[in-house]
Amino acid sequence: MIIGQPSSDPFVATYKDVSSGRYLLLADFESPEQEQLFRNEPAYAPGKIGITRDRARLETGVASIKVSLYTSDQWLVAADSPDGRLTLPRDWTGFEMLVFSVFSPRKLGGFRFAARSGGEELALTYEHPRIFLEMGWNLIRIDLGDLADHIDLGDVRAIQFGCNPLDTPVDLYLDDLLLVNNTRDLLKTPAEQTGDLYVRTGGRRIIVGTLGQFELVFSRGRIIQWFDLGHDPQRIHNLLGTGVLGPSPVLVPNDSENALILLDDATQWAPLGVSVQTNQGMREANNLYVVVEGEWQYGTLDAPADERSPYHRWVYTIFRDGQIFLACHGTARTEHFRPPGVGVAFCCDGQLGFEENIVYLRPPDPAGPGPKTNYAHYVRRTPGQADLLIVPYALHAVRGLKNPQDPRRCTLWTLPIVNDYFLFSAMFRVWPDHLDGRSVADATAADYCQPLPLTVMTGALVRNDPGDFDNDGFSEARGYYVLQLDNHWARVRIERRPPSLFNPAFKVVQVYDREVSVYVNGRPITDLYRNAEGDVIFALPTVPANELLLEVNARPRDAGNL
């Protein structure tokens, strides 16, 4: 591995993912012999490949490799040279990403990247989803975590580049192939105590967890790994198995009880657009919660997706106590694509001892107030291990999904389609590790569907905050009450409702220019956090056991501290 110096290394200066300085150069095409690593496949394919100075990323050098693609089955292959004098580094472990630049003379859909490990008899292959190239230089970022699910990163034998479909020939230029270790801490407490939130990135993934308790790995906007750190600190057992946690938008046929639901088949949404652009990012992070947002935008091979394109979007608010509040929404239908139904699925690995229970939670008087919902409770056979509880905000038709060929335990909620869009909001818990019992699960579900009763004596609840779908002052998608002060004060009485596991969180708005103090029964709360808008967010430090008095006071900040 090369450790580059930011002040002098052109790759560190040019590529953001190399800012740590930890990378391995596969090829920069500044020396003629590097051409020996590359060849056309099939061998009889027309056109030549060769190092040229016609195009280059001038920030890092003066040369690139040119390949003329004539057909959609043609590949530019990088592998060991036939005489063995040059070799492609085989051990990619310890790196998180492959980064390279591609120049295209025109907009081009369907750019392909593939990789192979092992010899001919033990070959494993991976092909990346198609990539849309803009005219000019394009930065391509391949997450090696995606490759690791399909090939052996300790024995990579070849990488390939091509384009399918390809209507007319095109000359492409590749430059600066780099293996990168871009692991970076985004949130880390100095003390690093059990229960502290942390966030880091690796490749294109976002890893969120609490020390000694749980860890979630996000890729392309979805949770692809879940670890019970209390019992598996080495992260050996992914509790999701081979799929994603969810919610995964799926098509639901009319005869949904007997039809096979395609959980992992992304092509079911191809009528929205055959070219999919995925993005994810961390929107907020503090020692109380982290917000991760992901989006899939559907475009065509002729035009990339934009803000008008069909989409699926996920927003997760992950609290340090193991609660995750979720909003998933997106396009269900278009003018030319009219599926009969849409739903979302959640899954975990049945081979790790999960048993699925679907529970209908209703008040004693069905006509009266109270929670009317259902929830899925995935309980492991061994008590004291992490369980999964999923509680939708609204009452949707629900059923378990079973496939003899699939060891996962899955639950499907069928959603209404309103103006060609769907919306699903829920709270799910991956911690604590004592959610085994029905009474605990019922109380947790009720806390979400019917939040603790508040009596606001001074100030007001804000009932139009994003994610507050029923305008009751509690954001079902973000997991907090929203308060507005009256003459710099708010006073709220919180009633006890046993048994409750809920630590209420609050957001106080319109205090960006004020110092805020918070008291519960006269005792100060010191763990206060601000979001990008300057709102103050906090959680009650303990589960309410009696009636509590919450007081919030705001005073003008000194001019120098604004």
Foldseek 3Di string as FASTA:
>chain_A
DFQDDCVPALVCVPDVLCVRRDKDWQDFLPDQVQCLQKAKPPNPADWDKGKDQPDHPVSHDRIWIKTKDFAQPMKIKGFQGPVRPDGGQQALPPFFKKKKKKAWQAWFKFKKKKWWFDDPVPIWMDIDAIDIDHHGMDMDIGTCVRVVLIYDNGGTGMMIIGGPPDPGMTMMTMGTTMGGFRKDWPDDDPVLDFLWWTWIDGRQWIWIAGPLAKIFIDDLFFTQFIDGCVVCVVRPDGFAPGGTFDQQKWFAAPPNVPDATDRPDPCRCCVLAVHKDKDKDWQDDDRFKTKIKIKIFHHYRRDDGDPPGWMWMKIWIAGSQFKIKIKIKTFQADPVGDGPFMKTKGKTAVVQAWDKDKAFAADPDNVDDFFGAIKIWTAGPDAQTWTKIKAWLDHFDKDWDDDPVGRMTMMIGIFDQDPRMTMTIIMMGRDDRHCHDPVSNNQANRCLNPNFDKDKPFWDQQQPDPQNPVSPQARSRHQAGETEGDPQKIKMKTADDPPHPDFHKYKYPDQQQWDKWKDKQRHTDDPWDAHPRSIIMDTHPHRDPGIIMMMMGIDGDDPVVD
